[in-house]
Amino acid sequence: MIEKIIYKKLMGTAFSLGLYAENKTKANYWLEKGVEEIQRIEFLLSEYQSTSQTTQINNADYLTDINIDEEVLELIERSINISKLTNGCFDITSAQLKKLYKFNNQNSTLPSKNEILNSLNCVGYKNLKLNRKNLSIQKLVPNLTISFNAIGKGYAADKVKHLWVKNGISSGFINASGDLYAFGTKSDNNPWKVAIS
């Protein structure tokens, strides 16, 4: 068995992917397929790409049916279920609030109380209406936007793991800057060690 690890910048962050395979050719092939899967998911979910489904949802008028892929609908359903479990502490519609704060190391001022209150009018997972039959979504309030930043990288790691396992990879890891999925064991049959520096 050969261990192979690659490091890539994907979804705006540092990813490391590693796996064990019978030979270098197979290891390289499935690492590249893992990268391609992450890029596919980024193309679907990124709010920074003009053609992504997230951007289409965010740019659409409210009360308009927006057709989306089944995969995106299922991820929104999963996000809504997490919102319900956390009493709204997790909410993909909090993107408007995020825009008020600058996280790019520039000098900035805190938003005013009015800016926060105005943004809160556009937030709330209950303001998303999914239609599974038609594979569509509606925003029930104006200016509502979504972001998969809090769930997208973990989702990508899950998808790569499932792709690899389905194709005979029995041991590997996907680390998306802390969103980590490890499965199987190392080549010496010892478990993976996960540490916080």
N, C-alpha and C. Protein backbone atom coordinates (compact mmCIF):
# COMPACT_ATOMS: atom_id res chain seq x y z
N MET A 1 0.84 -1.20 0.00
CA MET A 1 0.00 0.00 0.00
C MET A 1 0.88 1.24 0.00
N ILE A 2 0.43 2.25 -0.75
CA ILE A 2 1.17 3.50 -0.83
C ILE A 2 0.30 4.62 -0.26
N GLU A 3 0.94 5.49 0.50
CA GLU A 3 0.24 6.66 1.03
C GLU A 3 0.56 7.85 0.14
N LYS A 4 -0.46 8.60 -0.23
CA LYS A 4 -0.27 9.78 -1.08
C LYS A 4 -1.11 10.91 -0.51
N ILE A 5 -0.50 12.09 -0.39
CA ILE A 5 -1.19 13.28 0.14
C ILE A 5 -0.96 14.44 -0.82
N ILE A 6 -2.02 15.22 -1.04
CA ILE A 6 -1.88 16.45 -1.82
C ILE A 6 -2.46 17.61 -1.03
N TYR A 7 -1.99 18.81 -1.34
CA TYR A 7 -2.46 20.03 -0.71
C TYR A 7 -2.94 20.95 -1.83
N LYS A 8 -4.14 21.48 -1.67
CA LYS A 8 -4.74 22.34 -2.70
C LYS A 8 -5.54 23.46 -2.04
N LYS A 9 -5.59 24.60 -2.72
CA LYS A 9 -6.51 25.66 -2.29
C LYS A 9 -7.80 25.46 -3.07
N LEU A 10 -8.86 25.15 -2.33
CA LEU A 10 -10.17 24.88 -2.91
C LEU A 10 -11.24 25.53 -2.03
N MET A 11 -12.32 25.97 -2.63
CA MET A 11 -13.42 26.59 -1.89
C MET A 11 -12.90 27.72 -1.00
N GLY A 12 -11.88 28.41 -1.45
CA GLY A 12 -11.34 29.56 -0.74
C GLY A 12 -10.53 29.22 0.50
N THR A 13 -10.12 27.95 0.65
CA THR A 13 -9.39 27.56 1.85
C THR A 13 -8.39 26.45 1.51
N ALA A 14 -7.57 26.09 2.48
CA ALA A 14 -6.56 25.05 2.28
C ALA A 14 -7.16 23.67 2.53
N PHE A 15 -7.07 22.81 1.55
CA PHE A 15 -7.48 21.42 1.67
C PHE A 15 -6.25 20.53 1.65
N SER A 16 -6.28 19.46 2.41
CA SER A 16 -5.32 18.37 2.23
C SER A 16 -6.12 17.08 2.09
N LEU A 17 -5.74 16.29 1.12
CA LEU A 17 -6.40 15.03 0.85
C LEU A 17 -5.35 13.93 0.86
N GLY A 18 -5.63 12.83 1.53
CA GLY A 18 -4.69 11.73 1.57
C GLY A 18 -5.42 10.40 1.52
N LEU A 19 -4.76 9.41 0.92
CA LEU A 19 -5.37 8.08 0.85
C LEU A 19 -4.29 7.02 0.71
N TYR A 20 -4.71 5.80 0.95
CA TYR A 20 -3.86 4.64 0.71
C TYR A 20 -4.42 3.89 -0.49
N ALA A 21 -3.53 3.49 -1.40
CA ALA A 21 -3.94 2.74 -2.58
C ALA A 21 -2.87 1.71 -2.91
N GLU A 22 -3.22 0.78 -3.81
CA GLU A 22 -2.29 -0.31 -4.16
C GLU A 22 -1.04 0.20 -4.87
N ASN A 23 -1.20 1.29 -5.63
CA ASN A 23 -0.05 1.81 -6.37
C ASN A 23 -0.18 3.32 -6.57
N LYS A 24 0.89 3.93 -7.03
CA LYS A 24 0.94 5.39 -7.19
C LYS A 24 -0.07 5.87 -8.23
N THR A 25 -0.24 5.11 -9.30
CA THR A 25 -1.17 5.52 -10.36
C THR A 25 -2.60 5.62 -9.83
N LYS A 26 -3.01 4.59 -9.09
CA LYS A 26 -4.37 4.59 -8.52
C LYS A 26 -4.51 5.70 -7.49
N ALA A 27 -3.49 5.91 -6.67
CA ALA A 27 -3.55 6.97 -5.66
C ALA A 27 -3.70 8.34 -6.32
N ASN A 28 -2.88 8.61 -7.33
CA ASN A 28 -2.95 9.90 -8.02
C ASN A 28 -4.31 10.10 -8.69
N TYR A 29 -4.83 9.03 -9.30
CA TYR A 29 -6.11 9.11 -10.00
C TYR A 29 -7.23 9.50 -9.04
N TRP A 30 -7.31 8.81 -7.88
CA TRP A 30 -8.42 9.07 -6.97
C TRP A 30 -8.24 10.36 -6.18
N LEU A 31 -7.00 10.80 -5.98
CA LEU A 31 -6.80 12.12 -5.40
C LEU A 31 -7.31 13.20 -6.35
N GLU A 32 -7.01 13.04 -7.64
CA GLU A 32 -7.49 14.01 -8.63
C GLU A 32 -9.01 13.99 -8.73
N LYS A 33 -9.61 12.79 -8.66
CA LYS A 33 -11.08 12.70 -8.67
C LYS A 33 -11.67 13.38 -7.43
N GLY A 34 -10.98 13.29 -6.30
CA GLY A 34 -11.43 13.98 -5.10
C GLY A 34 -11.42 15.49 -5.28
N VAL A 35 -10.35 16.00 -5.88
CA VAL A 35 -10.25 17.44 -6.16
C VAL A 35 -11.36 17.86 -7.11
N GLU A 36 -11.61 17.07 -8.15
CA GLU A 36 -12.67 17.39 -9.11
C GLU A 36 -14.04 17.42 -8.44
N GLU A 37 -14.27 16.53 -7.48
CA GLU A 37 -15.56 16.51 -6.76
C GLU A 37 -15.72 17.78 -5.93
N ILE A 38 -14.65 18.21 -5.28
CA ILE A 38 -14.72 19.45 -4.49
C ILE A 38 -14.97 20.64 -5.41
N GLN A 39 -14.32 20.67 -6.57
CA GLN A 39 -14.54 21.76 -7.52
C GLN A 39 -15.98 21.75 -8.04
N ARG A 40 -16.54 20.57 -8.26
CA ARG A 40 -17.94 20.47 -8.70
C ARG A 40 -18.88 21.06 -7.66
N ILE A 41 -18.62 20.72 -6.41
CA ILE A 41 -19.47 21.23 -5.32
C ILE A 41 -19.30 22.74 -5.19
N GLU A 42 -18.07 23.23 -5.32
CA GLU A 42 -17.85 24.67 -5.25
C GLU A 42 -18.61 25.38 -6.37
N PHE A 43 -18.62 24.81 -7.56
CA PHE A 43 -19.34 25.39 -8.69
C PHE A 43 -20.84 25.49 -8.39
N LEU A 44 -21.39 24.50 -7.67
CA LEU A 44 -22.80 24.52 -7.31
C LEU A 44 -23.11 25.53 -6.21
N LEU A 45 -22.22 25.62 -5.19
CA LEU A 45 -22.58 26.28 -3.93
C LEU A 45 -21.96 27.65 -3.70
N SER A 46 -20.89 27.99 -4.39
CA SER A 46 -20.17 29.23 -4.07
C SER A 46 -21.03 30.47 -4.31
N GLU A 47 -21.05 31.34 -3.32
CA GLU A 47 -21.77 32.61 -3.50
C GLU A 47 -20.93 33.62 -4.26
N TYR A 48 -19.69 33.25 -4.59
CA TYR A 48 -18.78 34.16 -5.28
C TYR A 48 -18.68 33.86 -6.77
N GLN A 49 -19.32 32.80 -7.24
CA GLN A 49 -19.32 32.47 -8.66
C GLN A 49 -20.67 32.85 -9.25
N SER A 50 -20.64 33.61 -10.33
CA SER A 50 -21.88 34.17 -10.88
C SER A 50 -22.82 33.10 -11.42
N THR A 51 -22.30 31.92 -11.75
CA THR A 51 -23.15 30.89 -12.34
C THR A 51 -23.61 29.84 -11.33
N SER A 52 -23.22 29.98 -10.05
CA SER A 52 -23.59 28.95 -9.07
C SER A 52 -25.09 29.02 -8.74
N GLN A 53 -25.61 27.93 -8.22
CA GLN A 53 -27.01 27.92 -7.83
C GLN A 53 -27.27 28.84 -6.64
N THR A 54 -26.27 28.98 -5.77
CA THR A 54 -26.41 29.91 -4.65
C THR A 54 -26.61 31.34 -5.17
N THR A 55 -25.79 31.73 -6.13
CA THR A 55 -25.91 33.08 -6.70
C THR A 55 -27.26 33.26 -7.39
N GLN A 56 -27.72 32.22 -8.09
CA GLN A 56 -29.04 32.31 -8.74
C GLN A 56 -30.14 32.51 -7.70
N ILE A 57 -30.06 31.79 -6.60
CA ILE A 57 -31.05 31.95 -5.52
C ILE A 57 -30.96 33.36 -4.95
N ASN A 58 -29.74 33.80 -4.66
CA ASN A 58 -29.55 35.11 -4.02
C ASN A 58 -29.99 36.26 -4.92
N ASN A 59 -29.84 36.11 -6.24
CA ASN A 59 -30.19 37.19 -7.17
C ASN A 59 -31.66 37.18 -7.57
N ALA A 60 -32.37 36.11 -7.27
CA ALA A 60 -33.78 36.01 -7.70
C ALA A 60 -34.68 36.88 -6.82
N ASP A 61 -35.78 37.31 -7.41
CA ASP A 61 -36.78 38.06 -6.66
C ASP A 61 -37.47 37.13 -5.67
N TYR A 62 -37.93 37.72 -4.58
CA TYR A 62 -38.65 36.91 -3.61
C TYR A 62 -40.02 36.54 -4.17
N LEU A 63 -40.57 35.45 -3.66
CA LEU A 63 -41.83 34.86 -4.10
C LEU A 63 -41.78 34.34 -5.54
N THR A 64 -40.57 34.14 -6.05
CA THR A 64 -40.36 33.57 -7.39
C THR A 64 -39.86 32.15 -7.23
N ASP A 65 -40.41 31.22 -8.01
CA ASP A 65 -39.90 29.84 -7.98
C ASP A 65 -38.54 29.81 -8.67
N ILE A 66 -37.56 29.29 -7.96
CA ILE A 66 -36.20 29.18 -8.48
C ILE A 66 -35.90 27.69 -8.59
N ASN A 67 -35.68 27.22 -9.81
CA ASN A 67 -35.37 25.81 -10.02
C ASN A 67 -33.93 25.52 -9.61
N ILE A 68 -33.76 24.43 -8.84
CA ILE A 68 -32.44 24.05 -8.36
C ILE A 68 -32.25 22.55 -8.54
N ASP A 69 -30.98 22.14 -8.56
CA ASP A 69 -30.67 20.71 -8.63
C ASP A 69 -31.16 20.01 -7.36
N GLU A 70 -31.47 18.73 -7.51
CA GLU A 70 -31.92 17.95 -6.36
C GLU A 70 -30.87 17.93 -5.26
N GLU A 71 -29.60 17.88 -5.63
CA GLU A 71 -28.53 17.87 -4.64
C GLU A 71 -28.54 19.14 -3.79
N VAL A 72 -28.75 20.28 -4.43
CA VAL A 72 -28.79 21.56 -3.71
C VAL A 72 -30.03 21.61 -2.83
N LEU A 73 -31.16 21.15 -3.35
CA LEU A 73 -32.38 21.12 -2.55
C LEU A 73 -32.18 20.26 -1.30
N GLU A 74 -31.54 19.10 -1.46
CA GLU A 74 -31.31 18.22 -0.31
C GLU A 74 -30.38 18.86 0.71
N LEU A 75 -29.37 19.61 0.24
CA LEU A 75 -28.47 20.28 1.17
C LEU A 75 -29.18 21.42 1.90
N ILE A 76 -30.08 22.11 1.22
CA ILE A 76 -30.88 23.15 1.89
C ILE A 76 -31.81 22.50 2.91
N GLU A 77 -32.41 21.37 2.56
CA GLU A 77 -33.25 20.64 3.52
C GLU A 77 -32.43 20.24 4.75
N ARG A 78 -31.24 19.73 4.52
CA ARG A 78 -30.37 19.35 5.64
C ARG A 78 -30.05 20.58 6.50
N SER A 79 -29.77 21.70 5.85
CA SER A 79 -29.46 22.93 6.58
C SER A 79 -30.65 23.40 7.41
N ILE A 80 -31.84 23.31 6.84
CA ILE A 80 -33.05 23.71 7.58
C ILE A 80 -33.26 22.79 8.78
N ASN A 81 -33.03 21.50 8.60
CA ASN A 81 -33.16 20.57 9.73
C ASN A 81 -32.16 20.88 10.84
N ILE A 82 -30.93 21.25 10.46
CA ILE A 82 -29.94 21.66 11.47
C ILE A 82 -30.40 22.94 12.16
N SER A 83 -30.99 23.85 11.40
CA SER A 83 -31.53 25.09 12.00
C SER A 83 -32.59 24.77 13.04
N LYS A 84 -33.46 23.82 12.71
CA LYS A 84 -34.51 23.43 13.66
C LYS A 84 -33.91 22.80 14.90
N LEU A 85 -32.92 21.92 14.72
CA LEU A 85 -32.28 21.26 15.85
C LEU A 85 -31.55 22.24 16.77
N THR A 86 -31.04 23.33 16.19
CA THR A 86 -30.26 24.31 16.96
C THR A 86 -31.08 25.55 17.32
N ASN A 87 -32.40 25.47 17.13
CA ASN A 87 -33.28 26.62 17.39
C ASN A 87 -32.81 27.87 16.65
N GLY A 88 -32.32 27.68 15.43
CA GLY A 88 -31.93 28.81 14.58
C GLY A 88 -30.51 29.31 14.79
N CYS A 89 -29.75 28.69 15.68
CA CYS A 89 -28.35 29.13 15.87
C CYS A 89 -27.52 28.88 14.61
N PHE A 90 -27.83 27.81 13.89
CA PHE A 90 -27.26 27.56 12.57
C PHE A 90 -28.30 27.98 11.56
N ASP A 91 -27.92 28.85 10.61
CA ASP A 91 -28.90 29.35 9.66
C ASP A 91 -28.20 29.83 8.40
N ILE A 92 -28.44 29.14 7.28
CA ILE A 92 -27.78 29.54 6.03
C ILE A 92 -28.29 30.87 5.50
N THR A 93 -29.37 31.41 6.07
CA THR A 93 -29.88 32.70 5.62
C THR A 93 -29.25 33.88 6.35
N SER A 94 -28.27 33.63 7.19
CA SER A 94 -27.64 34.72 7.94
C SER A 94 -26.61 35.48 7.10
N ALA A 95 -26.58 35.23 5.80
CA ALA A 95 -25.60 35.87 4.91
C ALA A 95 -25.71 37.39 4.94
N GLN A 96 -26.91 37.92 5.08
CA GLN A 96 -27.06 39.40 5.12
C GLN A 96 -26.34 39.99 6.33
N LEU A 97 -26.40 39.30 7.46
CA LEU A 97 -25.69 39.78 8.65
C LEU A 97 -24.19 39.73 8.44
N LYS A 98 -23.72 38.68 7.78
CA LYS A 98 -22.29 38.53 7.53
C LYS A 98 -21.74 39.70 6.71
N LYS A 99 -22.56 40.20 5.79
CA LYS A 99 -22.13 41.32 4.94
C LYS A 99 -21.86 42.60 5.74
N LEU A 100 -22.46 42.71 6.91
CA LEU A 100 -22.27 43.91 7.72
C LEU A 100 -20.88 43.99 8.35
N TYR A 101 -20.25 42.84 8.49
CA TYR A 101 -18.95 42.77 9.16
C TYR A 101 -17.87 42.47 8.13
N LYS A 102 -16.75 43.15 8.24
CA LYS A 102 -15.64 42.94 7.31
C LYS A 102 -14.64 41.99 7.95
N PHE A 103 -14.43 40.86 7.32
CA PHE A 103 -13.49 39.87 7.83
C PHE A 103 -12.26 39.79 6.95
N ASN A 104 -11.87 40.88 6.31
CA ASN A 104 -10.75 40.84 5.38
C ASN A 104 -9.56 41.65 5.86
N ASN A 105 -9.40 41.75 7.17
CA ASN A 105 -8.24 42.42 7.79
C ASN A 105 -8.12 43.89 7.45
N GLN A 106 -9.19 44.51 7.04
CA GLN A 106 -9.18 45.95 6.78
C GLN A 106 -9.80 46.67 7.97
N ASN A 107 -9.40 47.92 8.14
CA ASN A 107 -10.02 48.72 9.19
C ASN A 107 -11.49 48.90 8.85
N SER A 108 -12.34 48.66 9.81
CA SER A 108 -13.76 48.82 9.56
C SER A 108 -14.45 49.22 10.85
N THR A 109 -15.67 49.67 10.71
CA THR A 109 -16.46 50.04 11.88
C THR A 109 -17.56 49.00 12.07
N LEU A 110 -18.00 48.89 13.31
CA LEU A 110 -19.09 47.98 13.59
C LEU A 110 -20.38 48.54 13.01
N PRO A 111 -21.29 47.67 12.57
CA PRO A 111 -22.55 48.16 12.01
C PRO A 111 -23.41 48.82 13.09
N SER A 112 -24.26 49.71 12.63
CA SER A 112 -25.17 50.37 13.57
C SER A 112 -26.29 49.43 13.95
N LYS A 113 -27.00 49.80 15.03
CA LYS A 113 -28.13 49.00 15.47
C LYS A 113 -29.19 48.91 14.38
N ASN A 114 -29.43 50.02 13.67
CA ASN A 114 -30.42 50.03 12.58
C ASN A 114 -30.01 49.10 11.45
N GLU A 115 -28.72 49.09 11.10
CA GLU A 115 -28.24 48.19 10.04
C GLU A 115 -28.47 46.73 10.44
N ILE A 116 -28.20 46.42 11.69
CA ILE A 116 -28.40 45.05 12.16
C ILE A 116 -29.88 44.68 12.13
N LEU A 117 -30.73 45.58 12.64
CA LEU A 117 -32.17 45.31 12.64
C LEU A 117 -32.72 45.15 11.23
N ASN A 118 -32.26 46.00 10.30
CA ASN A 118 -32.72 45.90 8.91
C ASN A 118 -32.29 44.56 8.29
N SER A 119 -31.08 44.14 8.60
CA SER A 119 -30.60 42.86 8.07
C SER A 119 -31.35 41.68 8.67
N LEU A 120 -31.71 41.80 9.95
CA LEU A 120 -32.45 40.72 10.60
C LEU A 120 -33.81 40.47 9.94
N ASN A 121 -34.37 41.52 9.30
CA ASN A 121 -35.63 41.34 8.57
C ASN A 121 -35.48 40.40 7.38
N CYS A 122 -34.24 40.21 6.93
CA CYS A 122 -33.97 39.37 5.75
C CYS A 122 -33.42 38.00 6.14
N VAL A 123 -33.44 37.68 7.40
CA VAL A 123 -32.83 36.45 7.90
C VAL A 123 -33.91 35.54 8.48
N GLY A 124 -33.70 34.25 8.33
CA GLY A 124 -34.60 33.28 8.96
C GLY A 124 -34.87 32.10 8.05
N TYR A 125 -34.44 30.93 8.48
CA TYR A 125 -34.62 29.73 7.67
C TYR A 125 -36.09 29.43 7.38
N LYS A 126 -37.00 29.95 8.22
CA LYS A 126 -38.43 29.74 7.98
C LYS A 126 -38.93 30.54 6.78
N ASN A 127 -38.08 31.44 6.27
CA ASN A 127 -38.43 32.25 5.10
C ASN A 127 -37.99 31.59 3.79
N LEU A 128 -37.63 30.31 3.86
CA LEU A 128 -37.33 29.52 2.66
C LEU A 128 -38.43 28.49 2.48
N LYS A 129 -38.97 28.41 1.29
CA LYS A 129 -40.03 27.44 1.00
C LYS A 129 -39.52 26.52 -0.10
N LEU A 130 -39.39 25.24 0.25
CA LEU A 130 -38.90 24.25 -0.71
C LEU A 130 -40.07 23.49 -1.33
N ASN A 131 -39.92 23.20 -2.61
CA ASN A 131 -40.90 22.38 -3.31
C ASN A 131 -40.16 21.19 -3.93
N ARG A 132 -40.20 20.06 -3.23
CA ARG A 132 -39.46 18.88 -3.70
C ARG A 132 -40.00 18.37 -5.04
N LYS A 133 -41.32 18.43 -5.21
CA LYS A 133 -41.93 17.91 -6.44
C LYS A 133 -41.40 18.65 -7.67
N ASN A 134 -41.29 19.97 -7.57
CA ASN A 134 -40.84 20.78 -8.70
C ASN A 134 -39.35 21.12 -8.65
N LEU A 135 -38.66 20.61 -7.62
CA LEU A 135 -37.24 20.95 -7.41
C LEU A 135 -37.04 22.46 -7.49
N SER A 136 -37.74 23.16 -6.61
CA SER A 136 -37.64 24.62 -6.61
C SER A 136 -37.65 25.16 -5.19
N ILE A 137 -37.26 26.41 -5.08
CA ILE A 137 -37.23 27.11 -3.80
C ILE A 137 -37.80 28.50 -4.01
N GLN A 138 -38.42 29.02 -2.96
CA GLN A 138 -38.91 30.40 -2.94
C GLN A 138 -38.36 31.10 -1.72
N LYS A 139 -38.02 32.38 -1.88
CA LYS A 139 -37.68 33.22 -0.74
C LYS A 139 -38.95 34.00 -0.38
N LEU A 140 -39.34 33.94 0.89
CA LEU A 140 -40.62 34.52 1.29
C LEU A 140 -40.51 35.98 1.74
N VAL A 141 -39.28 36.50 1.83
CA VAL A 141 -39.07 37.91 2.18
C VAL A 141 -38.05 38.51 1.21
N PRO A 142 -38.13 39.82 0.97
CA PRO A 142 -37.17 40.45 0.07
C PRO A 142 -35.76 40.44 0.66
N ASN A 143 -34.77 40.45 -0.23
CA ASN A 143 -33.35 40.59 0.11
C ASN A 143 -32.77 39.43 0.91
N LEU A 144 -33.49 38.32 1.04
CA LEU A 144 -32.94 37.15 1.72
C LEU A 144 -31.86 36.54 0.84
N THR A 145 -30.72 36.24 1.43
CA THR A 145 -29.64 35.55 0.73
C THR A 145 -29.17 34.37 1.57
N ILE A 146 -28.57 33.40 0.90
CA ILE A 146 -28.07 32.23 1.61
C ILE A 146 -26.57 32.10 1.40
N SER A 147 -25.95 31.38 2.30
CA SER A 147 -24.52 31.07 2.20
C SER A 147 -24.30 29.68 2.76
N PHE A 148 -23.54 28.87 2.03
CA PHE A 148 -23.20 27.53 2.49
C PHE A 148 -21.83 27.49 3.14
N ASN A 149 -21.27 28.65 3.51
CA ASN A 149 -19.92 28.68 4.09
C ASN A 149 -19.79 27.81 5.33
N ALA A 150 -20.83 27.71 6.13
CA ALA A 150 -20.73 26.96 7.39
C ALA A 150 -20.92 25.45 7.21
N ILE A 151 -21.37 25.03 6.05
CA ILE A 151 -21.66 23.61 5.84
C ILE A 151 -21.01 23.05 4.58
N GLY A 152 -20.61 23.93 3.66
CA GLY A 152 -20.14 23.49 2.34
C GLY A 152 -18.88 22.65 2.36
N LYS A 153 -17.88 23.05 3.14
CA LYS A 153 -16.62 22.31 3.15
C LYS A 153 -16.78 20.93 3.78
N GLY A 154 -17.56 20.85 4.84
CA GLY A 154 -17.84 19.55 5.44
C GLY A 154 -18.62 18.66 4.50
N TYR A 155 -19.56 19.26 3.77
CA TYR A 155 -20.33 18.51 2.77
C TYR A 155 -19.40 17.98 1.68
N ALA A 156 -18.47 18.82 1.23
CA ALA A 156 -17.52 18.39 0.20
C ALA A 156 -16.66 17.23 0.69
N ALA A 157 -16.21 17.30 1.95
CA ALA A 157 -15.41 16.21 2.52
C ALA A 157 -16.23 14.92 2.55
N ASP A 158 -17.50 15.00 2.94
CA ASP A 158 -18.38 13.83 2.94
C ASP A 158 -18.50 13.22 1.55
N LYS A 159 -18.69 14.08 0.55
CA LYS A 159 -18.89 13.60 -0.82
C LYS A 159 -17.64 12.92 -1.36
N VAL A 160 -16.47 13.47 -1.06
CA VAL A 160 -15.22 12.85 -1.52
C VAL A 160 -15.05 11.48 -0.85
N LYS A 161 -15.31 11.40 0.44
CA LYS A 161 -15.21 10.12 1.15
C LYS A 161 -16.12 9.08 0.51
N HIS A 162 -17.38 9.45 0.22
CA HIS A 162 -18.32 8.51 -0.38
C HIS A 162 -17.85 8.08 -1.77
N LEU A 163 -17.32 9.01 -2.54
CA LEU A 163 -16.79 8.70 -3.87
C LEU A 163 -15.66 7.68 -3.77
N TRP A 164 -14.72 7.93 -2.85
CA TRP A 164 -13.58 7.03 -2.71
C TRP A 164 -14.01 5.64 -2.24
N VAL A 165 -14.84 5.58 -1.21
CA VAL A 165 -15.27 4.28 -0.67
C VAL A 165 -16.02 3.48 -1.73
N LYS A 166 -16.89 4.16 -2.48
CA LYS A 166 -17.65 3.51 -3.55
C LYS A 166 -16.72 2.88 -4.59
N ASN A 167 -15.53 3.45 -4.74
CA ASN A 167 -14.60 2.98 -5.76
C ASN A 167 -13.41 2.22 -5.18
N GLY A 168 -13.59 1.68 -3.97
CA GLY A 168 -12.61 0.76 -3.44
C GLY A 168 -11.49 1.34 -2.61
N ILE A 169 -11.53 2.63 -2.32
CA ILE A 169 -10.52 3.21 -1.42
C ILE A 169 -11.00 2.95 0.01
N SER A 170 -10.20 2.23 0.78
CA SER A 170 -10.66 1.82 2.11
C SER A 170 -10.08 2.67 3.23
N SER A 171 -9.17 3.59 2.91
CA SER A 171 -8.56 4.40 3.96
C SER A 171 -8.11 5.73 3.39
N GLY A 172 -8.49 6.81 4.08
CA GLY A 172 -8.07 8.13 3.62
C GLY A 172 -8.59 9.23 4.52
N PHE A 173 -8.28 10.46 4.15
CA PHE A 173 -8.79 11.62 4.89
C PHE A 173 -8.95 12.79 3.96
N ILE A 174 -9.87 13.67 4.32
CA ILE A 174 -10.09 14.94 3.64
C ILE A 174 -10.13 15.99 4.74
N ASN A 175 -9.21 16.93 4.68
CA ASN A 175 -9.15 17.99 5.69
C ASN A 175 -9.35 19.33 5.00
N ALA A 176 -10.45 19.99 5.31
CA ALA A 176 -10.76 21.30 4.74
C ALA A 176 -10.62 22.34 5.84
N SER A 177 -9.38 22.64 6.20
CA SER A 177 -9.09 23.64 7.23
C SER A 177 -9.88 23.38 8.51
N GLY A 178 -9.94 22.13 8.91
CA GLY A 178 -10.61 21.79 10.16
C GLY A 178 -11.88 21.00 9.99
N ASP A 179 -12.54 21.12 8.84
CA ASP A 179 -13.66 20.23 8.53
C ASP A 179 -13.02 18.94 8.05
N LEU A 180 -12.94 17.95 8.92
CA LEU A 180 -12.12 16.77 8.69
C LEU A 180 -12.96 15.51 8.63
N TYR A 181 -12.65 14.67 7.64
CA TYR A 181 -13.27 13.35 7.55
C TYR A 181 -12.15 12.35 7.34
N ALA A 182 -11.97 11.44 8.27
CA ALA A 182 -10.98 10.36 8.14
C ALA A 182 -11.70 9.04 8.26
N PHE A 183 -11.27 8.06 7.46
CA PHE A 183 -11.92 6.74 7.49
C PHE A 183 -10.87 5.66 7.27
N GLY A 184 -11.20 4.46 7.71
CA GLY A 184 -10.26 3.36 7.60
C GLY A 184 -9.13 3.51 8.60
N THR A 185 -8.00 2.87 8.32
CA THR A 185 -6.82 2.97 9.17
C THR A 185 -5.61 3.27 8.32
N LYS A 186 -4.50 3.62 8.99
CA LYS A 186 -3.25 3.84 8.28
C LYS A 186 -2.71 2.50 7.78
N SER A 187 -1.66 2.53 6.99
CA SER A 187 -1.14 1.28 6.39
C SER A 187 -0.66 0.29 7.44
N ASP A 188 -0.30 0.77 8.64
CA ASP A 188 0.13 -0.15 9.70
C ASP A 188 -1.04 -0.63 10.56
N ASN A 189 -2.27 -0.38 10.08
CA ASN A 189 -3.52 -0.75 10.76
C ASN A 189 -3.77 0.02 12.05
N ASN A 190 -3.01 1.04 12.31
CA ASN A 190 -3.27 1.92 13.45
C ASN A 190 -4.30 2.96 13.04
N PRO A 191 -5.09 3.43 14.02
CA PRO A 191 -6.09 4.46 13.67
C PRO A 191 -5.42 5.79 13.34
N TRP A 192 -6.16 6.62 12.61
CA TRP A 192 -5.70 7.97 12.33
C TRP A 192 -5.60 8.74 13.64
N LYS A 193 -4.61 9.60 13.74
CA LYS A 193 -4.50 10.48 14.91
C LYS A 193 -4.92 11.87 14.48
N VAL A 194 -5.84 12.44 15.24
CA VAL A 194 -6.31 13.80 14.98
C VAL A 194 -5.87 14.65 16.16
N ALA A 195 -5.18 15.75 15.86
CA ALA A 195 -4.65 16.60 16.93
C ALA A 195 -4.99 18.06 16.65
N ILE A 196 -5.06 18.83 17.69
CA ILE A 196 -5.26 20.27 17.59
C ILE A 196 -3.96 20.94 18.02
N SER A 197 -3.37 21.73 17.13
CA SER A 197 -2.09 22.35 17.47
C SER A 197 -2.31 23.58 18.34
